[in-house]
Amino acid sequence: MKKGYIIEEINRILDFELEEGIFKLNPKQRARIFEAKEEYKAGKVLSENEANKQIQEWLTSFQATSSVQNVMVSINYTSSPLTAPTNPSPSPW
């Protein structure tokens, strides 16, 4: 009996997308859904190819920015001055 219950629970969890029910949305969520429907009606949509292209451009841009930041951080942590400053400024910390 325990195994049957476990299998039923697994099926219930896996089939959550098939469940019907009422979803309670807050006013902000309802407004956003209404806005999205209006955008769709107005033809403000992207094809799958265009959406993928924009995502790829964003990821490439993000990766390039991230790489530059990583290099800069790496330089800051790995470079050391050859000589210590003669009159170091006091630390603000």
Protein backbone atom coordinates (compact mmCIF):
# COMPACT_ATOMS: atom_id res chain seq x y z
CA MET A 1 0.00 0.00 0.00
CA LYS A 2 2.86 2.37 0.76
CA LYS A 3 4.39 1.84 -2.70
CA GLY A 4 1.08 2.62 -4.36
CA TYR A 5 0.82 5.86 -2.42
CA ILE A 6 4.35 6.86 -3.38
CA ILE A 7 3.69 6.16 -7.06
CA GLU A 8 0.46 8.20 -6.90
CA GLU A 9 2.32 11.11 -5.31
CA ILE A 10 5.07 10.98 -7.93
CA ASN A 11 2.47 10.98 -10.69
CA ARG A 12 0.65 13.88 -9.03
CA ILE A 13 3.85 15.91 -8.86
CA LEU A 14 4.84 15.10 -12.44
CA ASP A 15 1.36 15.88 -13.77
CA PHE A 16 1.06 19.27 -12.08
CA GLU A 17 0.99 20.95 -15.49
CA LEU A 18 -2.16 19.06 -16.39
CA GLU A 19 -4.01 20.11 -13.28
CA GLU A 20 -6.81 22.52 -13.74
CA GLY A 21 -7.64 25.04 -11.15
CA ILE A 22 -8.08 28.67 -10.34
CA PHE A 23 -4.95 30.74 -10.10
CA LYS A 24 -5.23 33.77 -7.87
CA LEU A 25 -3.36 36.72 -9.30
CA ASN A 26 -2.61 40.00 -7.65
CA PRO A 27 -3.56 43.25 -9.43
CA LYS A 28 -0.03 43.74 -10.77
CA GLN A 29 -0.02 40.26 -12.33
CA ARG A 30 -3.47 40.80 -13.88
CA ALA A 31 -2.34 44.14 -15.32
CA ARG A 32 0.74 42.56 -16.85
CA ILE A 33 -1.31 39.77 -18.43
CA PHE A 34 -3.73 42.33 -19.87
CA GLU A 35 -0.77 44.33 -21.20
CA ALA A 36 0.74 41.22 -22.80
CA LYS A 37 -2.57 40.38 -24.50
CA GLU A 38 -2.75 43.91 -25.90
CA GLU A 39 0.82 43.65 -27.18
CA TYR A 40 -0.07 40.37 -28.88
CA LYS A 41 -3.17 41.87 -30.49
CA ALA A 42 -1.07 44.80 -31.76
CA GLY A 43 1.40 42.39 -33.35
CA LYS A 44 4.21 43.25 -30.96
CA VAL A 45 5.61 39.74 -31.00
CA LEU A 46 8.86 38.11 -32.07
CA SER A 47 9.31 35.00 -34.12
CA GLU A 48 11.16 32.18 -32.43
CA ASN A 49 14.21 32.88 -34.60
CA GLU A 50 14.21 36.60 -33.77
CA ALA A 51 13.78 35.90 -30.06
CA ASN A 52 16.66 33.40 -30.13
CA LYS A 53 18.82 35.90 -32.03
CA GLN A 54 18.16 38.62 -29.45
CA ILE A 55 18.87 36.22 -26.59
CA GLN A 56 22.14 35.14 -28.22
CA GLU A 57 23.18 38.77 -28.72
CA TRP A 58 22.40 39.53 -25.08
CA LEU A 59 24.32 36.48 -23.86
CA THR A 60 27.31 37.35 -26.05
CA SER A 61 27.25 40.92 -24.76
CA PHE A 62 26.93 39.68 -21.18
CA GLN A 63 29.77 37.19 -21.60
CA ALA A 64 32.06 39.84 -23.12
CA THR A 65 31.30 42.29 -20.30
CA SER A 66 31.74 39.57 -17.72
CA SER A 67 35.08 38.52 -19.24
CA VAL A 68 36.40 42.09 -19.16
CA GLN A 69 35.31 42.46 -15.54
CA ASN A 70 36.97 39.15 -14.62
CA VAL A 71 40.23 40.24 -16.26
CA MET A 72 40.14 43.57 -14.43
CA VAL A 73 39.50 41.86 -11.10
CA SER A 74 42.27 39.38 -11.85
CA ILE A 75 44.71 42.20 -12.62
CA ASN A 76 43.81 44.02 -9.41
CA TYR A 77 44.39 40.95 -7.28
CA THR A 78 47.45 39.53 -8.99
CA SER A 79 49.48 42.64 -9.76
CA SER A 80 51.69 44.01 -7.06
CA PRO A 81 53.81 47.13 -7.13
CA LEU A 82 57.55 46.66 -7.44
CA THR A 83 58.18 49.22 -4.75
CA ALA A 84 55.99 50.35 -1.91
CA PRO A 85 54.78 53.94 -2.03
CA THR A 86 56.94 56.30 0.00
CA ASN A 87 54.00 58.16 1.47
CA PRO A 88 50.94 55.90 1.39
CA SER A 89 47.60 57.58 1.80
CA PRO A 90 45.63 56.63 4.89
CA SER A 91 43.03 53.96 4.41
CA PRO A 92 39.43 55.18 4.45
CA TRP A 93 38.50 52.00 6.28
